[in-house]
PDB file of N, CA and C in Angstrom:
ATOM      1  N   UNK A   1      26.614  94.301 -28.057  1.00  0.00           N
ATOM      2  CA  UNK A   1      26.162  93.264 -27.133  1.00  0.00           C
ATOM      3  C   UNK A   1      24.941  92.527 -27.727  1.00  0.00           C
ATOM      4  N   UNK A   2      23.992  93.277 -28.257  1.00  0.00           N
ATOM      5  CA  UNK A   2      22.764  92.677 -28.836  1.00  0.00           C
ATOM      6  C   UNK A   2      23.186  91.823 -30.056  1.00  0.00           C
ATOM      7  N   UNK A   3      24.179  92.277 -30.811  1.00  0.00           N
ATOM      8  CA  UNK A   3      24.580  91.549 -31.998  1.00  0.00           C
ATOM      9  C   UNK A   3      25.068  90.188 -31.644  1.00  0.00           C
ATOM     10  N   UNK A   4      25.784  90.057 -30.524  1.00  0.00           N
ATOM     11  CA  UNK A   4      26.355  88.741 -30.114  1.00  0.00           C
ATOM     12  C   UNK A   4      25.196  87.791 -29.695  1.00  0.00           C
ATOM     13  N   UNK A   5      24.187  88.304 -29.086  1.00  0.00           N
ATOM     14  CA  UNK A   5      23.003  87.462 -28.681  1.00  0.00           C
ATOM     15  C   UNK A   5      22.290  86.965 -29.965  1.00  0.00           C
ATOM     16  N   UNK A   6      22.152  87.896 -30.886  1.00  0.00           N
ATOM     17  CA  UNK A   6      21.381  87.520 -32.143  1.00  0.00           C
ATOM     18  C   UNK A   6      22.286  86.517 -32.895  1.00  0.00           C
ATOM     19  N   UNK A   7      23.535  86.669 -32.943  1.00  0.00           N
ATOM     20  CA  UNK A   7      24.403  85.685 -33.642  1.00  0.00           C
ATOM     21  C   UNK A   7      24.339  84.288 -32.926  1.00  0.00           C
ATOM     22  N   UNK A   8      24.290  84.318 -31.603  1.00  0.00           N
ATOM     23  CA  UNK A   8      24.182  83.067 -30.881  1.00  0.00           C
ATOM     24  C   UNK A   8      22.843  82.337 -31.157  1.00  0.00           C
ATOM     25  N   UNK A   9      21.787  83.101 -31.202  1.00  0.00           N
ATOM     26  CA  UNK A   9      20.485  82.487 -31.539  1.00  0.00           C
ATOM     27  C   UNK A   9      20.462  81.996 -32.943  1.00  0.00           C
ATOM     28  N   UNK A  10      21.077  82.681 -33.872  1.00  0.00           N
ATOM     29  CA  UNK A  10      21.183  82.232 -35.294  1.00  0.00           C
ATOM     30  C   UNK A  10      21.941  80.918 -35.399  1.00  0.00           C
ATOM     31  N   UNK A  11      23.078  80.826 -34.675  1.00  0.00           N
ATOM     32  CA  UNK A  11      23.832  79.598 -34.775  1.00  0.00           C
ATOM     33  C   UNK A  11      23.115  78.451 -34.151  1.00  0.00           C
ATOM     34  N   UNK A  12      22.445  78.682 -33.053  1.00  0.00           N
ATOM     35  CA  UNK A  12      21.634  77.623 -32.372  1.00  0.00           C
ATOM     36  C   UNK A  12      20.525  77.162 -33.276  1.00  0.00           C
ATOM     37  N   UNK A  13      19.843  78.069 -33.967  1.00  0.00           N
ATOM     38  CA  UNK A  13      18.803  77.819 -34.913  1.00  0.00           C
ATOM     39  C   UNK A  13      19.328  76.938 -36.089  1.00  0.00           C
ATOM     40  N   UNK A  14      20.463  77.313 -36.591  1.00  0.00           N
ATOM     41  CA  UNK A  14      21.119  76.532 -37.657  1.00  0.00           C
ATOM     42  C   UNK A  14      21.421  75.165 -37.304  1.00  0.00           C
ATOM     43  N   UNK A  15      21.926  74.988 -36.077  1.00  0.00           N
ATOM     44  CA  UNK A  15      22.300  73.627 -35.550  1.00  0.00           C
ATOM     45  C   UNK A  15      21.011  72.737 -35.422  1.00  0.00           C
ATOM     46  N   UNK A  16      19.991  73.360 -34.900  1.00  0.00           N
ATOM     47  CA  UNK A  16      18.714  72.595 -34.737  1.00  0.00           C
ATOM     48  C   UNK A  16      18.138  72.228 -36.071  1.00  0.00           C
ATOM     49  N   UNK A  17      18.207  73.174 -37.070  1.00  0.00           N
ATOM     50  CA  UNK A  17      17.683  72.902 -38.395  1.00  0.00           C
ATOM     51  C   UNK A  17      18.417  71.811 -39.072  1.00  0.00           C
ATOM     52  N   UNK A  18      19.765  71.824 -39.012  1.00  0.00           N
ATOM     53  CA  UNK A  18      20.579  70.821 -39.660  1.00  0.00           C
ATOM     54  C   UNK A  18      20.320  69.404 -38.948  1.00  0.00           C
ATOM     55  N   UNK A  19      20.131  69.400 -37.650  1.00  0.00           N
ATOM     56  CA  UNK A  19      19.870  68.171 -36.921  1.00  0.00           C
ATOM     57  C   UNK A  19      18.487  67.593 -37.392  1.00  0.00           C
ATOM     58  N   UNK A  20      17.492  68.395 -37.530  1.00  0.00           N
ATOM     59  CA  UNK A  20      16.180  67.915 -37.910  1.00  0.00           C
ATOM     60  C   UNK A  20      16.221  67.361 -39.282  1.00  0.00           C
ATOM     61  N   UNK A  21      16.877  68.072 -40.229  1.00  0.00           N
ATOM     62  CA  UNK A  21      17.008  67.618 -41.654  1.00  0.00           C
ATOM     63  C   UNK A  21      17.798  66.343 -41.690  1.00  0.00           C
ATOM     64  N   UNK A  22      18.861  66.214 -40.907  1.00  0.00           N
ATOM     65  CA  UNK A  22      19.633  65.030 -40.897  1.00  0.00           C
ATOM     66  C   UNK A  22      18.876  63.814 -40.372  1.00  0.00           C
ATOM     67  N   UNK A  23      18.147  63.966 -39.321  1.00  0.00           N
ATOM     68  CA  UNK A  23      17.396  62.841 -38.718  1.00  0.00           C
ATOM     69  C   UNK A  23      16.279  62.441 -39.772  1.00  0.00           C
ATOM     70  N   UNK A  24      15.570  63.448 -40.339  1.00  0.00           N
ATOM     71  CA  UNK A  24      14.568  63.068 -41.286  1.00  0.00           C
ATOM     72  C   UNK A  24      15.166  62.360 -42.530  1.00  0.00           C
ATOM     73  N   UNK A  25      16.285  62.739 -42.985  1.00  0.00           N
ATOM     74  CA  UNK A  25      16.902  62.057 -44.087  1.00  0.00           C
ATOM     75  C   UNK A  25      17.314  60.668 -43.743  1.00  0.00           C
ATOM     76  N   UNK A  26      17.855  60.489 -42.569  1.00  0.00           N
ATOM     77  CA  UNK A  26      18.269  59.178 -42.089  1.00  0.00           C
ATOM     78  C   UNK A  26      17.015  58.252 -42.045  1.00  0.00           C
ATOM     79  N   UNK A  27      15.950  58.709 -41.480  1.00  0.00           N
ATOM     80  CA  UNK A  27      14.752  57.890 -41.360  1.00  0.00           C
ATOM     81  C   UNK A  27      14.222  57.645 -42.759  1.00  0.00           C
ATOM     82  N   UNK A  28      14.205  58.584 -43.640  1.00  0.00           N
ATOM     83  CA  UNK A  28      13.668  58.385 -45.003  1.00  0.00           C
ATOM     84  C   UNK A  28      14.522  57.351 -45.715  1.00  0.00           C
ATOM     85  N   UNK A  29      15.814  57.392 -45.628  1.00  0.00           N
ATOM     86  CA  UNK A  29      16.710  56.446 -46.321  1.00  0.00           C
ATOM     87  C   UNK A  29      16.523  55.058 -45.753  1.00  0.00           C
ATOM     88  N   UNK A  30      16.430  54.868 -44.445  1.00  0.00           N
ATOM     89  CA  UNK A  30      16.355  53.584 -43.797  1.00  0.00           C
ATOM     90  C   UNK A  30      14.950  53.179 -43.383  1.00  0.00           C
ATOM     91  N   UNK A  31      13.944  53.713 -44.024  1.00  0.00           N
ATOM     92  CA  UNK A  31      12.569  53.419 -43.579  1.00  0.00           C
ATOM     93  C   UNK A  31      12.207  51.960 -43.816  1.00  0.00           C
ATOM     94  N   UNK A  32      12.676  51.355 -44.918  1.00  0.00           N
ATOM     95  CA  UNK A  32      12.349  49.971 -45.154  1.00  0.00           C
ATOM     96  C   UNK A  32      12.977  49.056 -44.104  1.00  0.00           C
ATOM     97  N   UNK A  33      14.214  49.336 -43.705  1.00  0.00           N
ATOM     98  CA  UNK A  33      14.849  48.515 -42.676  1.00  0.00           C
ATOM     99  C   UNK A  33      14.122  48.711 -41.309  1.00  0.00           C
ATOM    100  N   UNK A  34      13.753  49.923 -41.013  1.00  0.00           N
ATOM    101  CA  UNK A  34      13.090  50.148 -39.772  1.00  0.00           C
ATOM    102  C   UNK A  34      11.747  49.441 -39.694  1.00  0.00           C
ATOM    103  N   UNK A  35      10.977  49.474 -40.833  1.00  0.00           N
ATOM    104  CA  UNK A  35       9.729  48.811 -40.882  1.00  0.00           C
ATOM    105  C   UNK A  35       9.888  47.282 -40.745  1.00  0.00           C
ATOM    106  N   UNK A  36      10.857  46.702 -41.444  1.00  0.00           N
ATOM    107  CA  UNK A  36      11.074  45.278 -41.350  1.00  0.00           C
ATOM    108  C   UNK A  36      11.499  44.861 -39.907  1.00  0.00           C
ATOM    109  N   UNK A  37      12.279  45.707 -39.275  1.00  0.00           N
ATOM    110  CA  UNK A  37      12.684  45.441 -37.865  1.00  0.00           C
ATOM    111  C   UNK A  37      11.475  45.465 -36.912  1.00  0.00           C
ATOM    112  N   UNK A  38      10.612  46.401 -37.111  1.00  0.00           N
ATOM    113  CA  UNK A  38       9.402  46.462 -36.262  1.00  0.00           C
ATOM    114  C   UNK A  38       8.531  45.287 -36.585  1.00  0.00           C
ATOM    115  N   UNK A  39       8.352  44.923 -37.824  1.00  0.00           N
ATOM    116  CA  UNK A  39       7.492  43.783 -38.128  1.00  0.00           C
ATOM    117  C   UNK A  39       8.029  42.515 -37.521  1.00  0.00           C
ATOM    118  N   UNK A  40       9.289  42.282 -37.602  1.00  0.00           N
ATOM    119  CA  UNK A  40       9.893  41.055 -37.024  1.00  0.00           C
ATOM    120  C   UNK A  40       9.676  41.006 -35.462  1.00  0.00           C
ATOM    121  N   UNK A  41       9.829  42.183 -34.766  1.00  0.00           N
ATOM    122  CA  UNK A  41       9.645  42.174 -33.360  1.00  0.00           C
ATOM    123  C   UNK A  41       8.172  41.955 -32.980  1.00  0.00           C
ATOM    124  N   UNK A  42       7.249  42.499 -33.803  1.00  0.00           N
ATOM    125  CA  UNK A  42       5.860  42.262 -33.477  1.00  0.00           C
ATOM    126  C   UNK A  42       5.485  40.765 -33.749  1.00  0.00           C
ATOM    127  N   UNK A  43       6.023  40.207 -34.819  1.00  0.00           N
ATOM    128  CA  UNK A  43       5.712  38.774 -35.009  1.00  0.00           C
ATOM    129  C   UNK A  43       6.295  37.888 -33.953  1.00  0.00           C
ATOM    130  N   UNK A  44       7.472  38.214 -33.470  1.00  0.00           N
ATOM    131  CA  UNK A  44       8.048  37.413 -32.389  1.00  0.00           C
ATOM    132  C   UNK A  44       7.169  37.465 -31.112  1.00  0.00           C
ATOM    133  N   UNK A  45       6.611  38.642 -30.879  1.00  0.00           N
ATOM    134  CA  UNK A  45       5.789  38.741 -29.629  1.00  0.00           C
ATOM    135  C   UNK A  45       4.414  38.111 -29.818  1.00  0.00           C
ATOM    136  N   UNK A  46       3.878  37.998 -31.009  1.00  0.00           N
ATOM    137  CA  UNK A  46       2.558  37.491 -31.260  1.00  0.00           C
ATOM    138  C   UNK A  46       2.618  35.984 -31.406  1.00  0.00           C
ATOM    139  N   UNK A  47       3.626  35.441 -32.035  1.00  0.00           N
ATOM    140  CA  UNK A  47       3.604  33.975 -32.287  1.00  0.00           C
ATOM    141  C   UNK A  47       3.815  33.225 -30.978  1.00  0.00           C
ATOM    142  N   UNK A  48       3.372  31.966 -30.882  1.00  0.00           N
ATOM    143  CA  UNK A  48       3.517  31.184 -29.688  1.00  0.00           C
ATOM    144  C   UNK A  48       5.050  31.037 -29.296  1.00  0.00           C
ATOM    145  N   UNK A  49       5.294  31.092 -28.031  1.00  0.00           N
ATOM    146  CA  UNK A  49       6.618  31.109 -27.566  1.00  0.00           C
ATOM    147  C   UNK A  49       7.169  32.519 -27.371  1.00  0.00           C
ATOM    148  N   UNK A  50       6.509  33.475 -27.897  1.00  0.00           N
ATOM    149  CA  UNK A  50       6.887  34.885 -27.663  1.00  0.00           C
ATOM    150  C   UNK A  50       6.153  35.379 -26.450  1.00  0.00           C
ATOM    151  N   UNK A  51       6.082  36.705 -26.345  1.00  0.00           N
ATOM    152  CA  UNK A  51       5.469  37.288 -25.185  1.00  0.00           C
ATOM    153  C   UNK A  51       3.931  36.969 -25.125  1.00  0.00           C
ATOM    154  N   UNK A  52       3.329  37.016 -26.249  1.00  0.00           N
ATOM    155  CA  UNK A  52       1.924  36.714 -26.297  1.00  0.00           C
ATOM    156  C   UNK A  52       1.552  35.314 -25.907  1.00  0.00           C
ATOM    157  N   UNK A  53       2.313  34.337 -26.310  1.00  0.00           N
ATOM    158  CA  UNK A  53       2.067  32.952 -25.967  1.00  0.00           C
ATOM    159  C   UNK A  53       2.463  32.676 -24.532  1.00  0.00           C
ATOM    160  N   UNK A  54       3.434  33.407 -23.981  1.00  0.00           N
ATOM    161  CA  UNK A  54       3.943  33.144 -22.631  1.00  0.00           C
ATOM    162  C   UNK A  54       2.956  33.675 -21.550  1.00  0.00           C
ATOM    163  N   UNK A  55       2.090  34.640 -21.882  1.00  0.00           N
ATOM    164  CA  UNK A  55       1.259  35.169 -20.881  1.00  0.00           C
ATOM    165  C   UNK A  55       0.058  34.307 -20.610  1.00  0.00           C
ATOM    166  N   UNK A  56      -0.293  33.355 -21.439  1.00  0.00           N
ATOM    167  CA  UNK A  56      -1.452  32.523 -21.256  1.00  0.00           C
ATOM    168  C   UNK A  56      -1.414  31.706 -19.966  1.00  0.00           C
ATOM    169  N   UNK A  57      -0.212  31.143 -19.594  1.00  0.00           N
ATOM    170  CA  UNK A  57      -0.148  30.385 -18.395  1.00  0.00           C
ATOM    171  C   UNK A  57       0.101  31.203 -17.151  1.00  0.00           C
ATOM    172  N   UNK A  58       0.582  32.412 -17.322  1.00  0.00           N
ATOM    173  CA  UNK A  58       0.886  33.238 -16.150  1.00  0.00           C
ATOM    174  C   UNK A  58      -0.334  33.919 -15.571  1.00  0.00           C
ATOM    175  N   UNK A  59      -1.356  34.116 -16.395  1.00  0.00           N
ATOM    176  CA  UNK A  59      -2.564  34.778 -15.917  1.00  0.00           C
ATOM    177  C   UNK A  59      -3.623  33.754 -15.751  1.00  0.00           C
ATOM    178  N   UNK A  60      -4.243  33.727 -14.576  1.00  0.00           N
ATOM    179  CA  UNK A  60      -5.256  32.805 -14.219  1.00  0.00           C
ATOM    180  C   UNK A  60      -6.585  33.215 -14.782  1.00  0.00           C
ATOM    181  N   UNK A  61      -6.918  32.852 -16.021  1.00  0.00           N
ATOM    182  CA  UNK A  61      -8.123  33.244 -16.672  1.00  0.00           C
ATOM    183  C   UNK A  61      -9.165  32.137 -16.480  1.00  0.00           C
ATOM    184  N   UNK A  62     -10.440  32.515 -16.251  1.00  0.00           N
ATOM    185  CA  UNK A  62     -11.516  31.486 -16.109  1.00  0.00           C
ATOM    186  C   UNK A  62     -11.774  30.831 -17.419  1.00  0.00           C
ATOM    187  N   UNK A  63     -12.031  29.520 -17.367  1.00  0.00           N
ATOM    188  CA  UNK A  63     -12.419  28.761 -18.520  1.00  0.00           C
ATOM    189  C   UNK A  63     -13.899  28.849 -18.715  1.00  0.00           C
ATOM    190  N   UNK A  64     -14.435  28.588 -19.954  1.00  0.00           N
ATOM    191  CA  UNK A  64     -15.873  28.598 -20.139  1.00  0.00           C
ATOM    192  C   UNK A  64     -16.605  27.552 -19.319  1.00  0.00           C
ATOM    193  N   UNK A  65     -15.971  26.384 -19.036  1.00  0.00           N
ATOM    194  CA  UNK A  65     -16.623  25.410 -18.252  1.00  0.00           C
ATOM    195  C   UNK A  65     -16.764  25.821 -16.786  1.00  0.00           C
ATOM    196  N   UNK A  66     -15.857  26.613 -16.334  1.00  0.00           N
ATOM    197  CA  UNK A  66     -15.877  27.022 -14.922  1.00  0.00           C
ATOM    198  C   UNK A  66     -16.941  28.118 -14.665  1.00  0.00           C
ATOM    199  N   UNK A  67     -17.351  28.778 -15.683  1.00  0.00           N
ATOM    200  CA  UNK A  67     -18.312  29.815 -15.499  1.00  0.00           C
ATOM    201  C   UNK A  67     -19.735  29.271 -15.599  1.00  0.00           C
ATOM    202  N   UNK A  68     -20.581  29.495 -14.578  1.00  0.00           N
ATOM    203  CA  UNK A  68     -21.950  29.052 -14.544  1.00  0.00           C
ATOM    204  C   UNK A  68     -22.734  30.144 -15.223  1.00  0.00           C
ATOM    205  N   UNK A  69     -23.782  29.808 -15.996  1.00  0.00           N
ATOM    206  CA  UNK A  69     -24.637  30.818 -16.520  1.00  0.00           C
ATOM    207  C   UNK A  69     -25.286  31.687 -15.473  1.00  0.00           C
ATOM    208  N   UNK A  70     -25.288  32.981 -15.612  1.00  0.00           N
ATOM    209  CA  UNK A  70     -25.820  33.848 -14.588  1.00  0.00           C
ATOM    210  C   UNK A  70     -27.128  34.418 -15.058  1.00  0.00           C
ATOM    211  N   UNK A  71     -28.052  34.548 -14.144  1.00  0.00           N
ATOM    212  CA  UNK A  71     -29.292  35.216 -14.465  1.00  0.00           C
ATOM    213  C   UNK A  71     -29.060  36.689 -14.477  1.00  0.00           C
ATOM    214  N   UNK A  72     -29.765  37.450 -15.278  1.00  0.00           N
ATOM    215  CA  UNK A  72     -29.568  38.864 -15.311  1.00  0.00           C
ATOM    216  C   UNK A  72     -30.015  39.428 -13.965  1.00  0.00           C
ATOM    217  N   UNK A  73     -29.350  40.492 -13.556  1.00  0.00           N
ATOM    218  CA  UNK A  73     -29.716  41.134 -12.269  1.00  0.00           C
ATOM    219  C   UNK A  73     -31.041  41.808 -12.383  1.00  0.00           C
ATOM    220  N   UNK A  74     -31.797  41.695 -11.315  1.00  0.00           N
ATOM    221  CA  UNK A  74     -33.171  42.267 -11.297  1.00  0.00           C
ATOM    222  C   UNK A  74     -33.084  43.558 -10.517  1.00  0.00           C
ATOM    223  N   UNK A  75     -33.703  44.638 -11.041  1.00  0.00           N
ATOM    224  CA  UNK A  75     -33.801  45.882 -10.317  1.00  0.00           C
ATOM    225  C   UNK A  75     -32.518  46.773 -10.379  1.00  0.00           C
ATOM    226  N   UNK A  76     -31.601  46.389 -11.287  1.00  0.00           N
ATOM    227  CA  UNK A  76     -30.377  47.158 -11.373  1.00  0.00           C
ATOM    228  C   UNK A  76     -30.340  47.777 -12.739  1.00  0.00           C
ATOM    229  N   UNK A  77     -29.776  48.913 -12.838  1.00  0.00           N
ATOM    230  CA  UNK A  77     -29.596  49.613 -14.120  1.00  0.00           C
ATOM    231  C   UNK A  77     -30.755  50.400 -14.424  1.00  0.00           C
ATOM    232  N   UNK A  78     -30.800  50.960 -15.650  1.00  0.00           N
ATOM    233  CA  UNK A  78     -31.900  51.842 -16.009  1.00  0.00           C
ATOM    234  C   UNK A  78     -33.068  51.112 -16.651  1.00  0.00           C
ATOM    235  N   UNK A  79     -32.840  49.967 -17.285  1.00  0.00           N
ATOM    236  CA  UNK A  79     -33.876  49.214 -17.897  1.00  0.00           C
ATOM    237  C   UNK A  79     -34.392  49.826 -19.185  1.00  0.00           C
ATOM    238  N   UNK A  80     -35.435  49.346 -19.725  1.00  0.00           N
ATOM    239  CA  UNK A  80     -36.043  49.868 -20.947  1.00  0.00           C
ATOM    240  C   UNK A  80     -37.280  50.660 -20.546  1.00  0.00           C
ATOM    241  N   UNK A  81     -37.276  51.922 -20.904  1.00  0.00           N
ATOM    242  CA  UNK A  81     -38.456  52.719 -20.463  1.00  0.00           C
ATOM    243  C   UNK A  81     -39.650  52.373 -21.328  1.00  0.00           C
ATOM    244  N   UNK A  82     -40.843  52.470 -20.726  1.00  0.00           N
ATOM    245  CA  UNK A  82     -42.071  52.192 -21.529  1.00  0.00           C
ATOM    246  C   UNK A  82     -42.694  53.558 -21.808  1.00  0.00           C
ATOM    247  N   UNK A  83     -42.988  53.814 -23.055  1.00  0.00           N
ATOM    248  CA  UNK A  83     -43.532  55.116 -23.476  1.00  0.00           C
ATOM    249  C   UNK A  83     -45.061  55.005 -23.620  1.00  0.00           C
TER     250      UNK A  83
END
């Protein structure tokens, strides 16, 4: 009975090991194609017309002209200690 359990664990371990080696080999062989694919997707999202350019109009960001210069708050925070 114990021999069957040990054999089952050994077979499962072998399957996991072969799977890990296979995936690592696949990634190693195709690493250049994977890197180029990721680069192209990043560039599409960063360039105007992509996701990065499309968010500018969707978010209501304040413009520098709309912001009035503010005086620093008085009596808030820790301040600079005098020694």
